[in-house]
Amino acid sequence: MSIEDKDLVDAIGVENLSGKLVMTIADHLDWADERAHLHALRDKFNAYLGAIQGDDLVASYPDAAGRTVVIELLSEVEIPESGLKFLEHATSTAGELGIEVRVRSGGAAL
């Protein structure tokens, strides 16, 4: 599973220390076509937000009930400025819903 499979959750689990539910987006794409990459990233984030806000998440993953949710983006490559701007907006939107966003790019946390 990956960023290209917008209707599937790439990885999900509960962090041992925090008890938070972490939904991971696995982004293996390069940024040669920034427009297409941003579109894929937006679609994936929107699908995750929709699942979190709807009944789908708890129905398919009962351990999600009552937990703080984190969306974690794992990008294999460095994210360009356009991607970082999108992520700032996504983080703000998710924050308003009580959802945390974490980003790791090329092995480094942003």
PDB file of N, CA and C in Angstrom:
ATOM      1  N   MET A   1       0.838  -1.182   0.000  1.00  0.00           N
ATOM      2  CA  MET A   1       0.000   0.000   0.000  1.00  0.00           C
ATOM      3  C   MET A   1       0.878   1.238   0.000  1.00  0.00           C
ATOM      4  N   SER A   2       0.352   2.298  -0.569  1.00  0.00           N
ATOM      5  CA  SER A   2       1.142   3.520  -0.646  1.00  0.00           C
ATOM      6  C   SER A   2       0.238   4.713  -0.868  1.00  0.00           C
ATOM      7  N   ILE A   3       0.854   5.841  -1.020  1.00  0.00           N
ATOM      8  CA  ILE A   3       0.137   7.086  -1.267  1.00  0.00           C
ATOM      9  C   ILE A   3      -0.767   6.982  -2.499  1.00  0.00           C
ATOM     10  N   GLU A   4      -0.412   6.114  -3.421  1.00  0.00           N
ATOM     11  CA  GLU A   4      -1.191   5.967  -4.649  1.00  0.00           C
ATOM     12  C   GLU A   4      -2.503   5.217  -4.434  1.00  0.00           C
ATOM     13  N   ASP A   5      -2.618   4.491  -3.332  1.00  0.00           N
ATOM     14  CA  ASP A   5      -3.847   3.769  -3.002  1.00  0.00           C
ATOM     15  C   ASP A   5      -4.663   4.628  -2.047  1.00  0.00           C
ATOM     16  N   LYS A   6      -5.369   5.616  -2.599  1.00  0.00           N
ATOM     17  CA  LYS A   6      -6.005   6.625  -1.742  1.00  0.00           C
ATOM     18  C   LYS A   6      -7.095   6.076  -0.842  1.00  0.00           C
ATOM     19  N   ASP A   7      -7.695   4.957  -1.198  1.00  0.00           N
ATOM     20  CA  ASP A   7      -8.790   4.433  -0.401  1.00  0.00           C
ATOM     21  C   ASP A   7      -8.361   3.387   0.623  1.00  0.00           C
ATOM     22  N   LEU A   8      -7.054   3.172   0.757  1.00  0.00           N
ATOM     23  CA  LEU A   8      -6.536   2.208   1.722  1.00  0.00           C
ATOM     24  C   LEU A   8      -5.633   2.896   2.730  1.00  0.00           C
ATOM     25  N   VAL A   9      -5.695   2.443   3.968  1.00  0.00           N
ATOM     26  CA  VAL A   9      -4.780   2.935   4.994  1.00  0.00           C
ATOM     27  C   VAL A   9      -3.491   2.140   4.859  1.00  0.00           C
ATOM     28  N   ASP A  10      -2.375   2.843   4.730  1.00  0.00           N
ATOM     29  CA  ASP A  10      -1.089   2.185   4.488  1.00  0.00           C
ATOM     30  C   ASP A  10      -0.634   1.366   5.695  1.00  0.00           C
ATOM     31  N   ALA A  11      -0.768   1.938   6.882  1.00  0.00           N
ATOM     32  CA  ALA A  11      -0.421   1.241   8.124  1.00  0.00           C
ATOM     33  C   ALA A  11      -1.181   1.901   9.259  1.00  0.00           C
ATOM     34  N   ILE A  12      -1.541   1.096  10.257  1.00  0.00           N
ATOM     35  CA  ILE A  12      -2.270   1.627  11.405  1.00  0.00           C
ATOM     36  C   ILE A  12      -1.865   0.840  12.637  1.00  0.00           C
ATOM     37  N   GLY A  13      -1.770   1.539  13.753  1.00  0.00           N
ATOM     38  CA  GLY A  13      -1.429   0.862  14.996  1.00  0.00           C
ATOM     39  C   GLY A  13      -1.484   1.816  16.162  1.00  0.00           C
ATOM     40  N   VAL A  14      -1.393   1.260  17.352  1.00  0.00           N
ATOM     41  CA  VAL A  14      -1.419   2.046  18.580  1.00  0.00           C
ATOM     42  C   VAL A  14       0.004   2.139  19.120  1.00  0.00           C
ATOM     43  N   GLU A  15       0.455   3.379  19.387  1.00  0.00           N
ATOM     44  CA  GLU A  15       1.781   3.582  19.981  1.00  0.00           C
ATOM     45  C   GLU A  15       1.782   3.053  21.408  1.00  0.00           C
ATOM     46  N   ASN A  16       2.807   2.311  21.750  1.00  0.00           N
ATOM     47  CA  ASN A  16       2.893   1.735  23.088  1.00  0.00           C
ATOM     48  C   ASN A  16       2.945   2.798  24.182  1.00  0.00           C
ATOM     49  N   LEU A  17       3.803   3.795  24.022  1.00  0.00           N
ATOM     50  CA  LEU A  17       4.004   4.776  25.094  1.00  0.00           C
ATOM     51  C   LEU A  17       2.858   5.775  25.236  1.00  0.00           C
ATOM     52  N   SER A  18       2.374   6.295  24.121  1.00  0.00           N
ATOM     53  CA  SER A  18       1.359   7.352  24.190  1.00  0.00           C
ATOM     54  C   SER A  18      -0.067   6.831  24.158  1.00  0.00           C
ATOM     55  N   GLY A  19      -0.275   5.658  23.599  1.00  0.00           N
ATOM     56  CA  GLY A  19      -1.627   5.137  23.431  1.00  0.00           C
ATOM     57  C   GLY A  19      -2.369   5.774  22.272  1.00  0.00           C
ATOM     58  N   LYS A  20      -1.664   6.598  21.489  1.00  0.00           N
ATOM     59  CA  LYS A  20      -2.291   7.245  20.332  1.00  0.00           C
ATOM     60  C   LYS A  20      -2.388   6.277  19.164  1.00  0.00           C
ATOM     61  N   LEU A  21      -3.425   6.467  18.372  1.00  0.00           N
ATOM     62  CA  LEU A  21      -3.596   5.693  17.163  1.00  0.00           C
ATOM     63  C   LEU A  21      -2.841   6.396  16.037  1.00  0.00           C
ATOM     64  N   VAL A  22      -1.939   5.684  15.379  1.00  0.00           N
ATOM     65  CA  VAL A  22      -1.141   6.264  14.308  1.00  0.00           C
ATOM     66  C   VAL A  22      -1.554   5.641  12.978  1.00  0.00           C
ATOM     67  N   MET A  23      -1.968   6.507  12.063  1.00  0.00           N
ATOM     68  CA  MET A  23      -2.298   6.097  10.700  1.00  0.00           C
ATOM     69  C   MET A  23      -1.187   6.634   9.804  1.00  0.00           C
ATOM     70  N   THR A  24      -0.493   5.738   9.139  1.00  0.00           N
ATOM     71  CA  THR A  24       0.678   6.118   8.360  1.00  0.00           C
ATOM     72  C   THR A  24       0.372   6.210   6.873  1.00  0.00           C
ATOM     73  N   ILE A  25       0.904   7.252   6.246  1.00  0.00           N
ATOM     74  CA  ILE A  25       0.886   7.396   4.789  1.00  0.00           C
ATOM     75  C   ILE A  25       2.307   7.116   4.316  1.00  0.00           C
ATOM     76  N   ALA A  26       2.456   6.097   3.484  1.00  0.00           N
ATOM     77  CA  ALA A  26       3.771   5.730   2.945  1.00  0.00           C
ATOM     78  C   ALA A  26       3.933   6.395   1.579  1.00  0.00           C
ATOM     79  N   ASP A  27       4.829   7.384   1.518  1.00  0.00           N
ATOM     80  CA  ASP A  27       5.030   8.163   0.298  1.00  0.00           C
ATOM     81  C   ASP A  27       6.391   7.840  -0.304  1.00  0.00           C
ATOM     82  N   HIS A  28       6.376   7.027  -1.350  1.00  0.00           N
ATOM     83  CA  HIS A  28       7.611   6.618  -2.015  1.00  0.00           C
ATOM     84  C   HIS A  28       7.881   7.426  -3.291  1.00  0.00           C
ATOM     85  N   LEU A  29       6.957   8.303  -3.660  1.00  0.00           N
ATOM     86  CA  LEU A  29       7.063   9.029  -4.923  1.00  0.00           C
ATOM     87  C   LEU A  29       8.108  10.141  -4.869  1.00  0.00           C
ATOM     88  N   ASP A  30       8.724  10.411  -6.011  1.00  0.00           N
ATOM     89  CA  ASP A  30       9.584  11.588  -6.094  1.00  0.00           C
ATOM     90  C   ASP A  30       8.686  12.798  -6.397  1.00  0.00           C
ATOM     91  N   TRP A  31       9.268  13.953  -6.460  1.00  0.00           N
ATOM     92  CA  TRP A  31       8.488  15.179  -6.675  1.00  0.00           C
ATOM     93  C   TRP A  31       8.718  15.761  -8.066  1.00  0.00           C
ATOM     94  N   ALA A  32       9.112  14.938  -9.029  1.00  0.00           N
ATOM     95  CA  ALA A  32       9.356  15.421 -10.393  1.00  0.00           C
ATOM     96  C   ALA A  32       8.100  16.078 -10.964  1.00  0.00           C
ATOM     97  N   ASP A  33       6.942  15.495 -10.692  1.00  0.00           N
ATOM     98  CA  ASP A  33       5.663  16.078 -11.104  1.00  0.00           C
ATOM     99  C   ASP A  33       4.965  16.562  -9.834  1.00  0.00           C
ATOM    100  N   GLU A  34       5.297  17.784  -9.414  1.00  0.00           N
ATOM    101  CA  GLU A  34       4.782  18.308  -8.150  1.00  0.00           C
ATOM    102  C   GLU A  34       3.256  18.357  -8.117  1.00  0.00           C
ATOM    103  N   ARG A  35       2.667  18.734  -9.211  1.00  0.00           N
ATOM    104  CA  ARG A  35       1.202  18.844  -9.260  1.00  0.00           C
ATOM    105  C   ARG A  35       0.542  17.476  -8.994  1.00  0.00           C
ATOM    106  N   ALA A  36       1.021  16.449  -9.653  1.00  0.00           N
ATOM    107  CA  ALA A  36       0.460  15.105  -9.466  1.00  0.00           C
ATOM    108  C   ALA A  36       0.718  14.602  -8.049  1.00  0.00           C
ATOM    109  N   HIS A  37       1.897  14.901  -7.528  1.00  0.00           N
ATOM    110  CA  HIS A  37       2.239  14.455  -6.177  1.00  0.00           C
ATOM    111  C   HIS A  37       1.349  15.154  -5.148  1.00  0.00           C
ATOM    112  N   LEU A  38       1.169  16.452  -5.289  1.00  0.00           N
ATOM    113  CA  LEU A  38       0.296  17.186  -4.373  1.00  0.00           C
ATOM    114  C   LEU A  38      -1.136  16.660  -4.443  1.00  0.00           C
ATOM    115  N   HIS A  39      -1.584  16.340  -5.634  1.00  0.00           N
ATOM    116  CA  HIS A  39      -2.929  15.798  -5.816  1.00  0.00           C
ATOM    117  C   HIS A  39      -3.066  14.461  -5.076  1.00  0.00           C
ATOM    118  N   ALA A  40      -2.077  13.586  -5.225  1.00  0.00           N
ATOM    119  CA  ALA A  40      -2.101  12.284  -4.553  1.00  0.00           C
ATOM    120  C   ALA A  40      -2.063  12.454  -3.033  1.00  0.00           C
ATOM    121  N   LEU A  41      -1.234  13.379  -2.560  1.00  0.00           N
ATOM    122  CA  LEU A  41      -1.115  13.627  -1.128  1.00  0.00           C
ATOM    123  C   LEU A  41      -2.415  14.189  -0.564  1.00  0.00           C
ATOM    124  N   ARG A  42      -3.011  15.125  -1.277  1.00  0.00           N
ATOM    125  CA  ARG A  42      -4.286  15.701  -0.846  1.00  0.00           C
ATOM    126  C   ARG A  42      -5.376  14.635  -0.787  1.00  0.00           C
ATOM    127  N   ASP A  43      -5.449  13.814  -1.810  1.00  0.00           N
ATOM    128  CA  ASP A  43      -6.463  12.751  -1.842  1.00  0.00           C
ATOM    129  C   ASP A  43      -6.294  11.779  -0.674  1.00  0.00           C
ATOM    130  N   LYS A  44      -5.048  11.435  -0.381  1.00  0.00           N
ATOM    131  CA  LYS A  44      -4.783  10.483   0.698  1.00  0.00           C
ATOM    132  C   LYS A  44      -5.150  11.094   2.053  1.00  0.00           C
ATOM    133  N   PHE A  45      -4.737  12.346   2.283  1.00  0.00           N
ATOM    134  CA  PHE A  45      -5.085  13.026   3.534  1.00  0.00           C
ATOM    135  C   PHE A  45      -6.602  13.131   3.675  1.00  0.00           C
ATOM    136  N   ASN A  46      -7.274  13.515   2.619  1.00  0.00           N
ATOM    137  CA  ASN A  46      -8.731  13.643   2.682  1.00  0.00           C
ATOM    138  C   ASN A  46      -9.400  12.303   2.969  1.00  0.00           C
ATOM    139  N   ALA A  47      -8.877  11.231   2.404  1.00  0.00           N
ATOM    140  CA  ALA A  47      -9.432   9.905   2.671  1.00  0.00           C
ATOM    141  C   ALA A  47      -9.234   9.531   4.143  1.00  0.00           C
ATOM    142  N   TYR A  48      -8.068   9.822   4.688  1.00  0.00           N
ATOM    143  CA  TYR A  48      -7.812   9.525   6.100  1.00  0.00           C
ATOM    144  C   TYR A  48      -8.729  10.369   6.988  1.00  0.00           C
ATOM    145  N   LEU A  49      -8.849  11.659   6.685  1.00  0.00           N
ATOM    146  CA  LEU A  49      -9.725  12.514   7.486  1.00  0.00           C
ATOM    147  C   LEU A  49     -11.168  12.036   7.418  1.00  0.00           C
ATOM    148  N   GLY A  50     -11.598  11.622   6.240  1.00  0.00           N
ATOM    149  CA  GLY A  50     -12.955  11.102   6.085  1.00  0.00           C
ATOM    150  C   GLY A  50     -13.174   9.847   6.909  1.00  0.00           C
ATOM    151  N   ALA A  51     -12.193   8.962   6.916  1.00  0.00           N
ATOM    152  CA  ALA A  51     -12.299   7.728   7.695  1.00  0.00           C
ATOM    153  C   ALA A  51     -12.344   8.026   9.190  1.00  0.00           C
ATOM    154  N   ILE A  52     -11.535   8.986   9.616  1.00  0.00           N
ATOM    155  CA  ILE A  52     -11.480   9.350  11.036  1.00  0.00           C
ATOM    156  C   ILE A  52     -12.804   9.967  11.482  1.00  0.00           C
ATOM    157  N   GLN A  53     -13.361  10.826  10.663  1.00  0.00           N
ATOM    158  CA  GLN A  53     -14.594  11.518  11.027  1.00  0.00           C
ATOM    159  C   GLN A  53     -15.834  10.653  10.876  1.00  0.00           C
ATOM    160  N   GLY A  54     -15.758   9.638  10.034  1.00  0.00           N
ATOM    161  CA  GLY A  54     -16.903   8.772   9.810  1.00  0.00           C
ATOM    162  C   GLY A  54     -16.875   7.564  10.729  1.00  0.00           C
ATOM    163  N   ASP A  55     -17.674   6.591  10.404  1.00  0.00           N
ATOM    164  CA  ASP A  55     -17.759   5.368  11.191  1.00  0.00           C
ATOM    165  C   ASP A  55     -16.790   4.294  10.710  1.00  0.00           C
ATOM    166  N   ASP A  56     -16.137   4.521   9.578  1.00  0.00           N
ATOM    167  CA  ASP A  56     -15.292   3.502   8.966  1.00  0.00           C
ATOM    168  C   ASP A  56     -14.120   3.081   9.846  1.00  0.00           C
ATOM    169  N   LEU A  57     -13.477   4.027  10.492  1.00  0.00           N
ATOM    170  CA  LEU A  57     -12.250   3.720  11.223  1.00  0.00           C
ATOM    171  C   LEU A  57     -12.513   2.765  12.372  1.00  0.00           C
ATOM    172  N   VAL A  58     -13.432   3.095  13.251  1.00  0.00           N
ATOM    173  CA  VAL A  58     -13.703   2.247  14.410  1.00  0.00           C
ATOM    174  C   VAL A  58     -14.330   0.922  13.985  1.00  0.00           C
ATOM    175  N   ALA A  59     -15.125   0.954  12.928  1.00  0.00           N
ATOM    176  CA  ALA A  59     -15.735  -0.284  12.441  1.00  0.00           C
ATOM    177  C   ALA A  59     -14.679  -1.274  11.949  1.00  0.00           C
ATOM    178  N   SER A  60     -13.655  -0.764  11.277  1.00  0.00           N
ATOM    179  CA  SER A  60     -12.633  -1.660  10.730  1.00  0.00           C
ATOM    180  C   SER A  60     -11.443  -1.846  11.676  1.00  0.00           C
ATOM    181  N   TYR A  61     -11.287  -0.938  12.633  1.00  0.00           N
ATOM    182  CA  TYR A  61     -10.177  -1.022  13.584  1.00  0.00           C
ATOM    183  C   TYR A  61     -10.697  -0.615  14.961  1.00  0.00           C
ATOM    184  N   PRO A  62     -11.341  -1.536  15.676  1.00  0.00           N
ATOM    185  CA  PRO A  62     -11.995  -1.208  16.950  1.00  0.00           C
ATOM    186  C   PRO A  62     -11.079  -0.579  17.999  1.00  0.00           C
ATOM    187  N   ASP A  63      -9.769  -0.858  17.952  1.00  0.00           N
ATOM    188  CA  ASP A  63      -8.844  -0.241  18.914  1.00  0.00           C
ATOM    189  C   ASP A  63      -8.750   1.275  18.757  1.00  0.00           C
ATOM    190  N   ALA A  64      -9.306   1.815  17.696  1.00  0.00           N
ATOM    191  CA  ALA A  64      -9.269   3.260  17.468  1.00  0.00           C
ATOM    192  C   ALA A  64     -10.212   4.021  18.392  1.00  0.00           C
ATOM    193  N   ALA A  65     -11.199   3.350  18.907  1.00  0.00           N
ATOM    194  CA  ALA A  65     -12.233   4.017  19.714  1.00  0.00           C
ATOM    195  C   ALA A  65     -11.627   4.777  20.886  1.00  0.00           C
ATOM    196  N   GLY A  66     -11.955   6.065  20.958  1.00  0.00           N
ATOM    197  CA  GLY A  66     -11.557   6.906  22.075  1.00  0.00           C
ATOM    198  C   GLY A  66     -10.109   7.353  22.087  1.00  0.00           C
ATOM    199  N   ARG A  67      -9.371   7.071  21.064  1.00  0.00           N
ATOM    200  CA  ARG A  67      -7.946   7.430  21.045  1.00  0.00           C
ATOM    201  C   ARG A  67      -7.692   8.714  20.258  1.00  0.00           C
ATOM    202  N   THR A  68      -6.654   9.433  20.669  1.00  0.00           N
ATOM    203  CA  THR A  68      -6.151  10.541  19.867  1.00  0.00           C
ATOM    204  C   THR A  68      -5.550   9.943  18.605  1.00  0.00           C
ATOM    205  N   VAL A  69      -5.840  10.567  17.472  1.00  0.00           N
ATOM    206  CA  VAL A  69      -5.359  10.047  16.191  1.00  0.00           C
ATOM    207  C   VAL A  69      -4.209  10.905  15.663  1.00  0.00           C
ATOM    208  N   VAL A  70      -3.216  10.230  15.135  1.00  0.00           N
ATOM    209  CA  VAL A  70      -2.063  10.875  14.498  1.00  0.00           C
ATOM    210  C   VAL A  70      -2.006  10.386  13.054  1.00  0.00           C
ATOM    211  N   ILE A  71      -1.905  11.309  12.115  1.00  0.00           N
ATOM    212  CA  ILE A  71      -1.606  10.949  10.732  1.00  0.00           C
ATOM    213  C   ILE A  71      -0.113  11.209  10.547  1.00  0.00           C
ATOM    214  N   GLU A  72       0.617  10.160  10.192  1.00  0.00           N
ATOM    215  CA  GLU A  72       2.057  10.276  10.027  1.00  0.00           C
ATOM    216  C   GLU A  72       2.419  10.045   8.568  1.00  0.00           C
ATOM    217  N   LEU A  73       3.049  11.043   7.965  1.00  0.00           N
ATOM    218  CA  LEU A  73       3.521  10.933   6.585  1.00  0.00           C
ATOM    219  C   LEU A  73       4.983  10.518   6.608  1.00  0.00           C
ATOM    220  N   LEU A  74       5.281   9.397   5.967  1.00  0.00           N
ATOM    221  CA  LEU A  74       6.656   8.941   5.824  1.00  0.00           C
ATOM    222  C   LEU A  74       7.042   9.106   4.360  1.00  0.00           C
ATOM    223  N   SER A  75       7.843  10.106   4.078  1.00  0.00           N
ATOM    224  CA  SER A  75       8.272  10.402   2.722  1.00  0.00           C
ATOM    225  C   SER A  75       9.707   9.932   2.531  1.00  0.00           C
ATOM    226  N   GLU A  76       9.944   9.187   1.472  1.00  0.00           N
ATOM    227  CA  GLU A  76      11.294   8.688   1.208  1.00  0.00           C
ATOM    228  C   GLU A  76      12.239   9.781   0.728  1.00  0.00           C
ATOM    229  N   VAL A  77      11.675  10.851   0.183  1.00  0.00           N
ATOM    230  CA  VAL A  77      12.505  11.923  -0.358  1.00  0.00           C
ATOM    231  C   VAL A  77      12.184  13.244   0.339  1.00  0.00           C
ATOM    232  N   GLU A  78      13.102  14.178   0.197  1.00  0.00           N
ATOM    233  CA  GLU A  78      12.889  15.505   0.766  1.00  0.00           C
ATOM    234  C   GLU A  78      11.675  16.156   0.109  1.00  0.00           C
ATOM    235  N   ILE A  79      10.878  16.822   0.918  1.00  0.00           N
ATOM    236  CA  ILE A  79       9.643  17.435   0.444  1.00  0.00           C
ATOM    237  C   ILE A  79       9.934  18.876   0.013  1.00  0.00           C
ATOM    238  N   PRO A  80       9.539  19.254  -1.200  1.00  0.00           N
ATOM    239  CA  PRO A  80       9.797  20.619  -1.665  1.00  0.00           C
ATOM    240  C   PRO A  80       8.857  21.630  -0.992  1.00  0.00           C
ATOM    241  N   GLU A  81       9.116  22.888  -1.246  1.00  0.00           N
ATOM    242  CA  GLU A  81       8.354  23.982  -0.638  1.00  0.00           C
ATOM    243  C   GLU A  81       6.853  23.842  -0.860  1.00  0.00           C
ATOM    244  N   SER A  82       6.438  23.476  -2.068  1.00  0.00           N
ATOM    245  CA  SER A  82       5.000  23.342  -2.338  1.00  0.00           C
ATOM    246  C   SER A  82       4.376  22.259  -1.458  1.00  0.00           C
ATOM    247  N   GLY A  83       5.094  21.172  -1.243  1.00  0.00           N
ATOM    248  CA  GLY A  83       4.611  20.110  -0.379  1.00  0.00           C
ATOM    249  C   GLY A  83       4.555  20.543   1.075  1.00  0.00           C
ATOM    250  N   LEU A  84       5.562  21.298   1.509  1.00  0.00           N
ATOM    251  CA  LEU A  84       5.590  21.786   2.888  1.00  0.00           C
ATOM    252  C   LEU A  84       4.441  22.757   3.145  1.00  0.00           C
ATOM    253  N   LYS A  85       4.115  23.589   2.165  1.00  0.00           N
ATOM    254  CA  LYS A  85       2.981  24.506   2.318  1.00  0.00           C
ATOM    255  C   LYS A  85       1.677  23.730   2.450  1.00  0.00           C
ATOM    256  N   PHE A  86       1.521  22.692   1.630  1.00  0.00           N
ATOM    257  CA  PHE A  86       0.333  21.858   1.744  1.00  0.00           C
ATOM    258  C   PHE A  86       0.256  21.237   3.133  1.00  0.00           C
ATOM    259  N   LEU A  87       1.383  20.707   3.609  1.00  0.00           N
ATOM    260  CA  LEU A  87       1.399  20.046   4.909  1.00  0.00           C
ATOM    261  C   LEU A  87       1.105  21.006   6.060  1.00  0.00           C
ATOM    262  N   GLU A  88       1.530  22.258   5.931  1.00  0.00           N
ATOM    263  CA  GLU A  88       1.177  23.263   6.945  1.00  0.00           C
ATOM    264  C   GLU A  88      -0.331  23.435   7.006  1.00  0.00           C
ATOM    265  N   HIS A  89      -0.951  23.540   5.832  1.00  0.00           N
ATOM    266  CA  HIS A  89      -2.407  23.683   5.766  1.00  0.00           C
ATOM    267  C   HIS A  89      -3.095  22.428   6.308  1.00  0.00           C
ATOM    268  N   ALA A  90      -2.626  21.255   5.910  1.00  0.00           N
ATOM    269  CA  ALA A  90      -3.217  19.996   6.358  1.00  0.00           C
ATOM    270  C   ALA A  90      -3.087  19.838   7.871  1.00  0.00           C
ATOM    271  N   THR A  91      -1.939  20.236   8.411  1.00  0.00           N
ATOM    272  CA  THR A  91      -1.712  20.155   9.853  1.00  0.00           C
ATOM    273  C   THR A  91      -2.676  21.064  10.594  1.00  0.00           C
ATOM    274  N   SER A  92      -2.881  22.265  10.072  1.00  0.00           N
ATOM    275  CA  SER A  92      -3.813  23.199  10.685  1.00  0.00           C
ATOM    276  C   SER A  92      -5.243  22.666  10.655  1.00  0.00           C
ATOM    277  N   THR A  93      -5.658  22.167   9.506  1.00  0.00           N
ATOM    278  CA  THR A  93      -7.006  21.621   9.358  1.00  0.00           C
ATOM    279  C   THR A  93      -7.207  20.427  10.289  1.00  0.00           C
ATOM    280  N   ALA A  94      -6.243  19.520  10.305  1.00  0.00           N
ATOM    281  CA  ALA A  94      -6.339  18.342  11.166  1.00  0.00           C
ATOM    282  C   ALA A  94      -6.361  18.748  12.639  1.00  0.00           C
ATOM    283  N   GLY A  95      -5.547  19.725  12.989  1.00  0.00           N
ATOM    284  CA  GLY A  95      -5.496  20.204  14.371  1.00  0.00           C
ATOM    285  C   GLY A  95      -6.842  20.717  14.863  1.00  0.00           C
ATOM    286  N   GLU A  96      -7.572  21.377  13.981  1.00  0.00           N
ATOM    287  CA  GLU A  96      -8.908  21.866  14.340  1.00  0.00           C
ATOM    288  C   GLU A  96      -9.853  20.707  14.656  1.00  0.00           C
ATOM    289  N   LEU A  97      -9.541  19.526  14.144  1.00  0.00           N
ATOM    290  CA  LEU A  97     -10.361  18.337  14.378  1.00  0.00           C
ATOM    291  C   LEU A  97      -9.797  17.472  15.512  1.00  0.00           C
ATOM    292  N   GLY A  98      -8.718  17.942  16.147  1.00  0.00           N
ATOM    293  CA  GLY A  98      -8.104  17.191  17.233  1.00  0.00           C
ATOM    294  C   GLY A  98      -7.187  16.084  16.756  1.00  0.00           C
ATOM    295  N   ILE A  99      -6.746  16.174  15.511  1.00  0.00           N
ATOM    296  CA  ILE A  99      -5.876  15.165  14.905  1.00  0.00           C
ATOM    297  C   ILE A  99      -4.474  15.734  14.770  1.00  0.00           C
ATOM    298  N   GLU A 100      -3.484  14.982  15.188  1.00  0.00           N
ATOM    299  CA  GLU A 100      -2.097  15.402  15.044  1.00  0.00           C
ATOM    300  C   GLU A 100      -1.559  14.960  13.687  1.00  0.00           C
ATOM    301  N   VAL A 101      -0.588  15.709  13.181  1.00  0.00           N
ATOM    302  CA  VAL A 101       0.099  15.326  11.948  1.00  0.00           C
ATOM    303  C   VAL A 101       1.591  15.313  12.229  1.00  0.00           C
ATOM    304  N   ARG A 102       2.245  14.248  11.799  1.00  0.00           N
ATOM    305  CA  ARG A 102       3.701  14.130  11.895  1.00  0.00           C
ATOM    306  C   ARG A 102       4.233  13.885  10.490  1.00  0.00           C
ATOM    307  N   VAL A 103       5.420  14.421  10.241  1.00  0.00           N
ATOM    308  CA  VAL A 103       6.029  14.245   8.919  1.00  0.00           C
ATOM    309  C   VAL A 103       7.486  13.825   9.106  1.00  0.00           C
ATOM    310  N   ARG A 104       7.853  12.773   8.390  1.00  0.00           N
ATOM    311  CA  ARG A 104       9.253  12.340   8.337  1.00  0.00           C
ATOM    312  C   ARG A 104       9.638  12.292   6.877  1.00  0.00           C
ATOM    313  N   SER A 105      10.670  13.048   6.551  1.00  0.00           N
ATOM    314  CA  SER A 105      11.098  13.160   5.162  1.00  0.00           C
ATOM    315  C   SER A 105      12.548  12.736   5.045  1.00  0.00           C
ATOM    316  N   GLY A 106      12.802  11.763   4.169  1.00  0.00           N
ATOM    317  CA  GLY A 106      14.173  11.307   3.966  1.00  0.00           C
ATOM    318  C   GLY A 106      14.826  10.870   5.261  1.00  0.00           C
ATOM    319  N   GLY A 107      14.009  10.340   6.180  1.00  0.00           N
ATOM    320  CA  GLY A 107      14.534   9.850   7.450  1.00  0.00           C
ATOM    321  C   GLY A 107      14.544  10.877   8.572  1.00  0.00           C
ATOM    322  N   ALA A 108      14.249  12.147   8.269  1.00  0.00           N
ATOM    323  CA  ALA A 108      14.259  13.187   9.291  1.00  0.00           C
ATOM    324  C   ALA A 108      12.853  13.648   9.609  1.00  0.00           C
ATOM    325  N   ALA A 109      12.573  13.898  10.870  1.00  0.00           N
ATOM    326  CA  ALA A 109      11.265  14.420  11.272  1.00  0.00           C
ATOM    327  C   ALA A 109      11.234  15.911  10.994  1.00  0.00           C
ATOM    328  N   LEU A 110      10.095  16.386  10.488  1.00  0.00           N
ATOM    329  CA  LEU A 110       9.935  17.823  10.223  1.00  0.00           C
ATOM    330  C   LEU A 110       9.086  18.464  11.289  1.00  0.00           C
TER     331      LEU A 110
END
